[in-house]
């Protein structure tokens, strides 16, 4: 077990990083080759039921690092560096997630992120995003430059909990760097680093806020599957949101649930407005830039960490930032009754 590869960062709370050595990188690449030889693909939900045991073949040090992150919740995020990525073999950055190429080099990358996700819990996907693909593509899309979604670029992506509107939101968000030549930063902040007045904390811990669905959940279904049952569910969550608290759990070490572009206070509530403004200021003061470079995996604890993205100027020439995304649950049983397909891993 190579615990010597673990690096701690004393800035803010401890952020954890793990650097794969060459032997470990070769070991992981060999697993990916085995998956391809079996004719399996991690974009398919069934892969995680048929091939979950392959996670045990990951390097012992990496498994320990991810397991420790899950069990002890020591930080808002962690990073794993050194996954092998051939920049030429992956091909150009696609101009749309629908145009992402299923090349052999990309299939390898999807195995890397899939098995790391399976080590943390149960990977799943939303039927309302990218046609329910388990592993999704985050690329700038022409026309979305100022949208608050993963395909925006010229406008900053504001702080949010991934799919914060939904009670079945992920426990972990995984982002893998296929390409990021411009070193566009993901912004991460931690609820454990926030400095807030007691009066604001008390308000934020009460169900005085509505979080609406990310507009992308509705937009994609309206464009491709207007009769899909998930569209009705998303519109219901948008039009009849349940009041929720922003801070919850142990008051001494709370969890957080926000989505600043898509949330509002319930009714006329000046105290809630002030508390939300104070929270935004505290998040901004504690924020940290994290570059998900090529061959790097970022894991965000979606209950502790809040993330966003700096603005950047896309080129649309095949060299733009390209990330792979996977969402992971610690308890898929919670999604019973919300299955969009025969698989329990695609939900709405």
Protein backbone atom coordinates (compact mmCIF):
# COMPACT_ATOMS: atom_id res chain seq x y z
CA UNK A 1 0.00 0.00 0.00
CA UNK A 2 1.61 3.20 -1.21
CA UNK A 3 0.48 5.74 1.37
CA UNK A 4 3.65 7.72 0.65
CA UNK A 5 1.88 9.02 -2.45
CA UNK A 6 -0.63 10.92 -0.32
CA UNK A 7 0.02 14.66 -0.04
CA UNK A 8 -1.84 16.96 2.34
CA UNK A 9 -2.34 20.66 1.80
CA UNK A 10 -2.59 22.78 4.92
CA UNK A 11 -4.31 25.70 3.18
CA UNK A 12 -7.86 26.20 4.47
CA UNK A 13 -8.94 22.73 5.56
CA UNK A 14 -6.76 19.81 4.52
CA UNK A 15 -7.15 19.07 0.84
CA UNK A 16 -5.92 15.64 -0.15
CA UNK A 17 -3.93 14.66 -3.20
CA UNK A 18 -2.63 11.32 -4.42
CA UNK A 19 0.02 10.93 -7.13
CA UNK A 20 0.09 7.67 -9.08
CA UNK A 21 3.55 6.33 -9.75
CA UNK A 22 4.42 4.72 -13.08
CA UNK A 23 3.79 1.18 -11.85
CA UNK A 24 0.34 2.15 -10.61
CA UNK A 25 -0.49 3.97 -13.86
CA UNK A 26 0.51 0.88 -15.84
CA UNK A 27 -1.58 -1.30 -13.55
CA UNK A 28 -4.66 0.85 -14.11
CA UNK A 29 -4.09 0.92 -17.89
CA UNK A 30 -3.95 -2.88 -17.88
CA UNK A 31 -7.34 -3.06 -16.15
CA UNK A 32 -8.80 -0.79 -18.82
CA UNK A 33 -7.45 -3.07 -21.54
CA UNK A 34 -9.11 -6.05 -19.84
CA UNK A 35 -12.44 -4.21 -19.77
CA UNK A 36 -12.20 -3.47 -23.47
CA UNK A 37 -11.33 -7.11 -24.20
CA UNK A 38 -14.50 -8.14 -22.37
CA UNK A 39 -16.52 -5.84 -24.63
CA UNK A 40 -17.74 -3.82 -21.66
CA UNK A 41 -18.24 -0.05 -21.53
CA UNK A 42 -18.71 2.10 -18.39
CA UNK A 43 -21.20 4.37 -20.18
CA UNK A 44 -23.60 1.42 -19.90
CA UNK A 45 -25.39 1.17 -16.53
CA UNK A 46 -25.08 -2.62 -16.57
CA UNK A 47 -21.29 -2.38 -16.45
CA UNK A 48 -21.42 -1.48 -12.75
CA UNK A 49 -23.44 -4.59 -11.94
CA UNK A 50 -21.40 -6.98 -14.09
CA UNK A 51 -17.89 -5.63 -13.48
CA UNK A 52 -17.96 -3.94 -10.07
CA UNK A 53 -15.36 -6.38 -8.70
CA UNK A 54 -12.70 -4.88 -10.99
CA UNK A 55 -12.44 -1.98 -8.56
CA UNK A 56 -10.55 -4.40 -6.28
CA UNK A 57 -7.80 -4.57 -8.91
CA UNK A 58 -6.98 -0.89 -8.59
CA UNK A 59 -3.65 -0.16 -6.90
CA UNK A 60 -3.92 -0.72 -3.16
CA UNK A 61 -2.69 2.78 -2.31
CA UNK A 62 -5.31 4.41 -4.51
CA UNK A 63 -8.08 2.23 -3.06
CA UNK A 64 -7.01 3.15 0.48
CA UNK A 65 -6.92 6.84 -0.43
CA UNK A 66 -10.45 6.84 -1.88
CA UNK A 67 -11.86 4.63 0.87
CA UNK A 68 -10.36 6.88 3.51
CA UNK A 69 -11.86 9.94 1.82
CA UNK A 70 -15.28 8.29 1.90
CA UNK A 71 -15.11 6.90 5.42
CA UNK A 72 -13.57 9.82 7.30
CA UNK A 73 -14.85 12.83 5.28
CA UNK A 74 -11.57 14.71 5.90
CA UNK A 75 -12.02 17.35 3.18
CA UNK A 76 -14.39 18.91 0.70
CA UNK A 77 -12.48 17.40 -2.21
CA UNK A 78 -9.53 15.27 -3.17
CA UNK A 79 -7.35 14.94 -6.26
CA UNK A 80 -5.67 11.99 -7.94
CA UNK A 81 -2.91 12.80 -10.44
CA UNK A 82 -1.07 10.74 -13.00
CA UNK A 83 -3.66 8.76 -14.95
CA UNK A 84 -2.27 7.98 -18.42
CA UNK A 85 -3.89 10.09 -21.16
CA UNK A 86 -2.69 10.26 -24.75
CA UNK A 87 -3.63 13.75 -25.93
CA UNK A 88 -3.47 12.86 -29.62
CA UNK A 89 -5.30 9.54 -29.29
CA UNK A 90 -8.31 11.01 -27.47
CA UNK A 91 -9.02 13.16 -30.50
CA UNK A 92 -10.27 16.75 -30.63
CA UNK A 93 -12.52 18.17 -27.94
CA UNK A 94 -16.07 17.64 -29.24
CA UNK A 95 -18.22 20.68 -29.94
CA UNK A 96 -21.21 19.05 -28.23
CA UNK A 97 -21.65 16.14 -25.83
CA UNK A 98 -23.63 14.34 -28.54
CA UNK A 99 -20.55 14.37 -30.77
CA UNK A 100 -18.12 12.87 -28.23
CA UNK A 101 -16.05 10.16 -29.91
CA UNK A 102 -16.04 6.64 -28.40
CA UNK A 103 -12.38 6.09 -29.25
CA UNK A 104 -10.26 3.46 -27.54
CA UNK A 105 -8.34 6.13 -25.64
CA UNK A 106 -11.60 7.63 -24.34
CA UNK A 107 -12.90 4.19 -23.39
CA UNK A 108 -9.78 3.77 -21.26
CA UNK A 109 -10.41 7.04 -19.46
CA UNK A 110 -14.00 6.04 -18.78
CA UNK A 111 -12.77 2.86 -17.09
CA UNK A 112 -10.47 4.92 -14.85
CA UNK A 113 -13.26 7.19 -13.62
CA UNK A 114 -15.79 4.34 -13.41
CA UNK A 115 -13.70 2.15 -11.11
CA UNK A 116 -12.76 5.08 -8.89
CA UNK A 117 -16.45 5.92 -8.66
CA UNK A 118 -17.32 2.33 -7.81
CA UNK A 119 -14.77 2.46 -4.99
CA UNK A 120 -16.62 5.42 -3.48
CA UNK A 121 -20.14 4.00 -3.84
CA UNK A 122 -22.74 3.35 -6.55
CA UNK A 123 -22.42 5.32 -9.79
CA UNK A 124 -25.70 6.56 -11.25
CA UNK A 125 -27.00 8.99 -13.86
CA UNK A 126 -30.00 11.23 -14.49
CA UNK A 127 -32.28 10.28 -17.37
CA UNK A 128 -32.72 14.01 -17.94
CA UNK A 129 -29.04 14.67 -18.73
CA UNK A 130 -27.14 13.48 -21.81
CA UNK A 131 -29.71 10.75 -22.53
CA UNK A 132 -28.92 8.97 -19.28
CA UNK A 133 -25.31 8.17 -20.15
CA UNK A 134 -23.47 7.04 -17.04
CA UNK A 135 -20.30 8.98 -17.85
CA UNK A 136 -20.93 12.40 -19.35
CA UNK A 137 -18.92 14.99 -21.24
CA UNK A 138 -18.33 18.53 -20.01
CA UNK A 139 -17.32 20.66 -22.99
CA UNK A 140 -18.06 24.26 -24.02
CA UNK A 141 -20.98 24.39 -26.44
CA UNK A 142 -21.56 27.23 -28.86
CA UNK A 143 -24.65 29.16 -27.83
CA UNK A 144 -24.32 28.16 -24.16
CA UNK A 145 -21.54 30.63 -23.36
CA UNK A 146 -23.59 32.47 -20.72
CA UNK A 147 -25.75 29.63 -19.43
CA UNK A 148 -25.42 28.35 -15.89
CA UNK A 149 -24.52 24.79 -16.86
CA UNK A 150 -21.44 22.66 -17.45
CA UNK A 151 -21.32 23.75 -21.09
CA UNK A 152 -21.08 27.47 -20.37
CA UNK A 153 -17.80 29.31 -20.66
CA UNK A 154 -17.75 33.11 -20.86
CA UNK A 155 -19.86 33.52 -17.70
CA UNK A 156 -18.59 32.10 -14.40
CA UNK A 157 -20.45 29.02 -13.20
CA UNK A 158 -21.74 30.09 -9.80
CA UNK A 159 -21.38 28.11 -6.59
CA UNK A 160 -23.69 25.13 -6.31
CA UNK A 161 -24.23 21.71 -4.88
CA UNK A 162 -24.43 19.27 -7.79
CA UNK A 163 -28.16 18.80 -8.51
CA UNK A 164 -28.87 20.49 -5.19
CA UNK A 165 -32.60 20.70 -5.95
CA UNK A 166 -33.06 16.93 -5.75
CA UNK A 167 -33.35 14.75 -2.62
CA UNK A 168 -31.45 12.02 -4.49
CA UNK A 169 -28.50 14.24 -5.42
CA UNK A 170 -25.10 12.57 -5.50
CA UNK A 171 -22.78 12.12 -2.55
CA UNK A 172 -19.72 12.48 -4.79
CA UNK A 173 -19.08 14.32 -8.02
CA UNK A 174 -16.13 13.03 -10.07
CA UNK A 175 -14.52 15.18 -12.77
CA UNK A 176 -11.69 13.75 -14.89
CA UNK A 177 -9.42 15.92 -17.01
CA UNK A 178 -9.27 14.71 -20.60
CA UNK A 179 -7.86 18.06 -21.73
CA UNK A 180 -7.39 21.44 -20.06
CA UNK A 181 -4.58 23.24 -21.84
CA UNK A 182 -5.74 26.64 -20.61
CA UNK A 183 -5.81 25.42 -17.00
CA UNK A 184 -9.36 26.67 -16.53
CA UNK A 185 -9.98 26.42 -12.79
CA UNK A 186 -12.84 24.70 -11.05
CA UNK A 187 -13.69 26.70 -7.93
CA UNK A 188 -14.28 24.78 -4.70
CA UNK A 189 -15.30 25.98 -1.27
CA UNK A 190 -15.98 24.00 1.91
CA UNK A 191 -18.81 24.39 4.39
CA UNK A 192 -16.23 23.65 7.08
CA UNK A 193 -14.28 26.80 6.23
CA UNK A 194 -17.22 29.19 6.42
CA UNK A 195 -17.26 31.97 8.99
CA UNK A 196 -20.86 33.02 9.65
CA UNK A 197 -22.65 34.86 12.42
CA UNK A 198 -24.79 32.66 14.66
CA UNK A 199 -27.94 34.46 13.57
CA UNK A 200 -27.27 33.58 9.94
CA UNK A 201 -26.41 29.96 10.74
CA UNK A 202 -29.71 29.55 12.59
CA UNK A 203 -31.69 30.93 9.65
CA UNK A 204 -29.82 28.83 7.09
CA UNK A 205 -30.61 25.70 9.12
CA UNK A 206 -34.36 26.28 8.75
CA UNK A 207 -36.51 25.27 5.72
CA UNK A 208 -36.82 28.82 4.39
CA UNK A 209 -35.40 28.30 0.90
CA UNK A 210 -36.46 26.82 -2.43
CA UNK A 211 -33.92 25.23 -4.80
CA UNK A 212 -35.22 24.79 -8.33
CA UNK A 213 -33.95 22.28 -10.89
CA UNK A 214 -30.99 23.26 -13.02
CA UNK A 215 -32.64 24.43 -16.25
CA UNK A 216 -30.58 21.90 -18.22
CA UNK A 217 -32.63 19.00 -16.80
CA UNK A 218 -35.76 20.48 -18.39
CA UNK A 219 -34.18 21.86 -21.57
CA UNK A 220 -32.59 18.60 -22.72
CA UNK A 221 -35.76 16.57 -22.23
CA UNK A 222 -37.98 19.17 -23.90
CA UNK A 223 -35.71 19.03 -26.93
CA UNK A 224 -35.40 15.26 -27.22
CA UNK A 225 -38.11 13.47 -25.20
CA UNK A 226 -41.08 15.75 -24.46
CA UNK A 227 -43.15 12.75 -23.34
CA UNK A 228 -40.56 11.39 -20.90
CA UNK A 229 -41.90 10.89 -17.34
CA UNK A 230 -38.75 12.55 -16.00
CA UNK A 231 -39.80 15.83 -17.66
CA UNK A 232 -43.04 15.88 -15.69
CA UNK A 233 -41.09 15.17 -12.51
CA UNK A 234 -38.57 17.96 -13.18
CA UNK A 235 -41.34 20.46 -13.93
CA UNK A 236 -43.08 19.47 -10.72
CA UNK A 237 -39.88 20.05 -8.74
CA UNK A 238 -39.52 23.40 -10.51
CA UNK A 239 -43.11 24.58 -10.07
CA UNK A 240 -43.86 23.08 -6.64
CA UNK A 241 -40.53 23.06 -4.78
CA UNK A 242 -40.40 21.84 -1.20
CA UNK A 243 -38.85 24.32 1.24
CA UNK A 244 -35.44 23.17 2.39
CA UNK A 245 -32.64 24.22 4.70
CA UNK A 246 -29.25 25.23 3.37
CA UNK A 247 -27.34 23.86 6.36
CA UNK A 248 -28.33 20.52 7.88
CA UNK A 249 -27.00 17.59 9.91
CA UNK A 250 -24.69 17.99 12.88
CA UNK A 251 -24.64 21.70 13.89
CA UNK A 252 -20.97 21.32 14.85
CA UNK A 253 -20.05 19.98 11.40
CA UNK A 254 -22.98 20.71 9.09
CA UNK A 255 -23.59 19.66 5.52
CA UNK A 256 -24.68 22.15 2.86
CA UNK A 257 -27.17 22.24 0.00
CA UNK A 258 -27.27 25.25 -2.32
CA UNK A 259 -27.54 26.27 -5.97
CA UNK A 260 -27.19 30.03 -6.07
CA UNK A 261 -28.43 30.59 -9.66
CA UNK A 262 -31.56 28.50 -9.04
CA UNK A 263 -32.58 29.24 -5.47
CA UNK A 264 -34.80 31.74 -3.72
CA UNK A 265 -36.19 32.46 -0.28
CA UNK A 266 -39.68 31.24 0.55
CA UNK A 267 -41.92 34.31 0.44
CA UNK A 268 -40.88 37.72 1.72
CA UNK A 269 -38.14 36.85 4.20
CA UNK A 270 -35.55 39.62 4.73
CA UNK A 271 -33.69 37.59 7.37
CA UNK A 272 -33.30 34.69 4.94
CA UNK A 273 -32.13 37.10 2.22
CA UNK A 274 -29.49 38.52 4.57
CA UNK A 275 -28.35 35.04 5.62
CA UNK A 276 -28.04 33.94 1.98
CA UNK A 277 -26.01 37.04 1.13
CA UNK A 278 -23.73 36.39 4.11
CA UNK A 279 -23.30 32.79 2.98
CA UNK A 280 -22.29 33.88 -0.52
CA UNK A 281 -19.71 36.27 0.92
CA UNK A 282 -18.32 33.53 3.17
CA UNK A 283 -18.13 31.06 0.28
CA UNK A 284 -16.30 33.63 -1.81
CA UNK A 285 -13.83 34.32 1.00
CA UNK A 286 -13.07 30.59 1.39
CA UNK A 287 -12.98 29.67 -2.31
CA UNK A 288 -10.05 27.91 -3.89
CA UNK A 289 -9.05 27.41 -7.53
CA UNK A 290 -8.47 23.79 -8.51
CA UNK A 291 -7.20 22.99 -12.00
CA UNK A 292 -8.42 19.61 -13.21
CA UNK A 293 -5.56 19.01 -15.59
CA UNK A 294 -5.10 16.25 -18.12
CA UNK A 295 -4.93 12.91 -16.30
CA UNK A 296 -6.21 14.34 -13.01
CA UNK A 297 -9.34 13.21 -11.17
CA UNK A 298 -11.19 15.63 -8.88
CA UNK A 299 -13.62 14.13 -6.36
CA UNK A 300 -15.96 16.61 -4.63
CA UNK A 301 -17.84 15.57 -1.51
CA UNK A 302 -21.21 16.96 -2.57
CA UNK A 303 -22.39 17.40 1.02
CA UNK A 304 -19.29 19.27 2.21
CA UNK A 305 -17.93 20.93 -0.93
CA UNK A 306 -19.54 23.56 -3.13
CA UNK A 307 -18.14 24.11 -6.60
CA UNK A 308 -18.27 26.37 -9.63
CA UNK A 309 -15.99 27.37 -12.52
CA UNK A 310 -14.08 30.46 -13.62
CA UNK A 311 -15.06 32.09 -16.91
CA UNK A 312 -12.96 31.37 -19.97
CA UNK A 313 -12.99 32.10 -23.69
CA UNK A 314 -13.71 29.00 -25.81
CA UNK A 315 -12.05 28.49 -29.17
CA UNK A 316 -14.21 25.67 -30.58
CA UNK A 317 -11.17 24.40 -32.45
CA UNK A 318 -10.81 20.98 -30.82
CA UNK A 319 -8.42 22.12 -28.07
CA UNK A 320 -10.88 23.42 -25.45
CA UNK A 321 -11.30 22.14 -21.91
CA UNK A 322 -12.84 18.64 -21.83
CA UNK A 323 -13.84 16.85 -18.65
CA UNK A 324 -15.57 13.54 -18.00
CA UNK A 325 -18.19 13.53 -15.25
CA UNK A 326 -19.62 10.78 -13.02
CA UNK A 327 -22.02 11.03 -10.08
CA UNK A 328 -21.94 8.54 -7.20
CA UNK A 329 -24.41 7.68 -4.44
CA UNK A 330 -23.65 6.08 -1.08
CA UNK A 331 -27.17 4.60 -0.97
CA UNK A 332 -29.01 3.80 -4.21
CA UNK A 333 -31.90 2.34 -2.20
CA UNK A 334 -33.12 5.88 -1.73
CA UNK A 335 -33.94 6.03 -5.45
CA UNK A 336 -36.49 3.18 -5.38
CA UNK A 337 -39.53 4.37 -7.30
CA UNK A 338 -37.51 6.85 -9.34
CA UNK A 339 -35.98 4.49 -11.90
CA UNK A 340 -36.19 5.75 -15.47
CA UNK A 341 -35.12 2.43 -17.04
CA UNK A 342 -34.84 -1.19 -15.98
CA UNK A 343 -31.56 -0.22 -14.32
CA UNK A 344 -31.62 1.20 -10.80
CA UNK A 345 -28.71 3.43 -11.84
CA UNK A 346 -30.64 5.74 -14.20
CA UNK A 347 -33.08 7.82 -12.20
CA UNK A 348 -35.30 10.87 -12.46
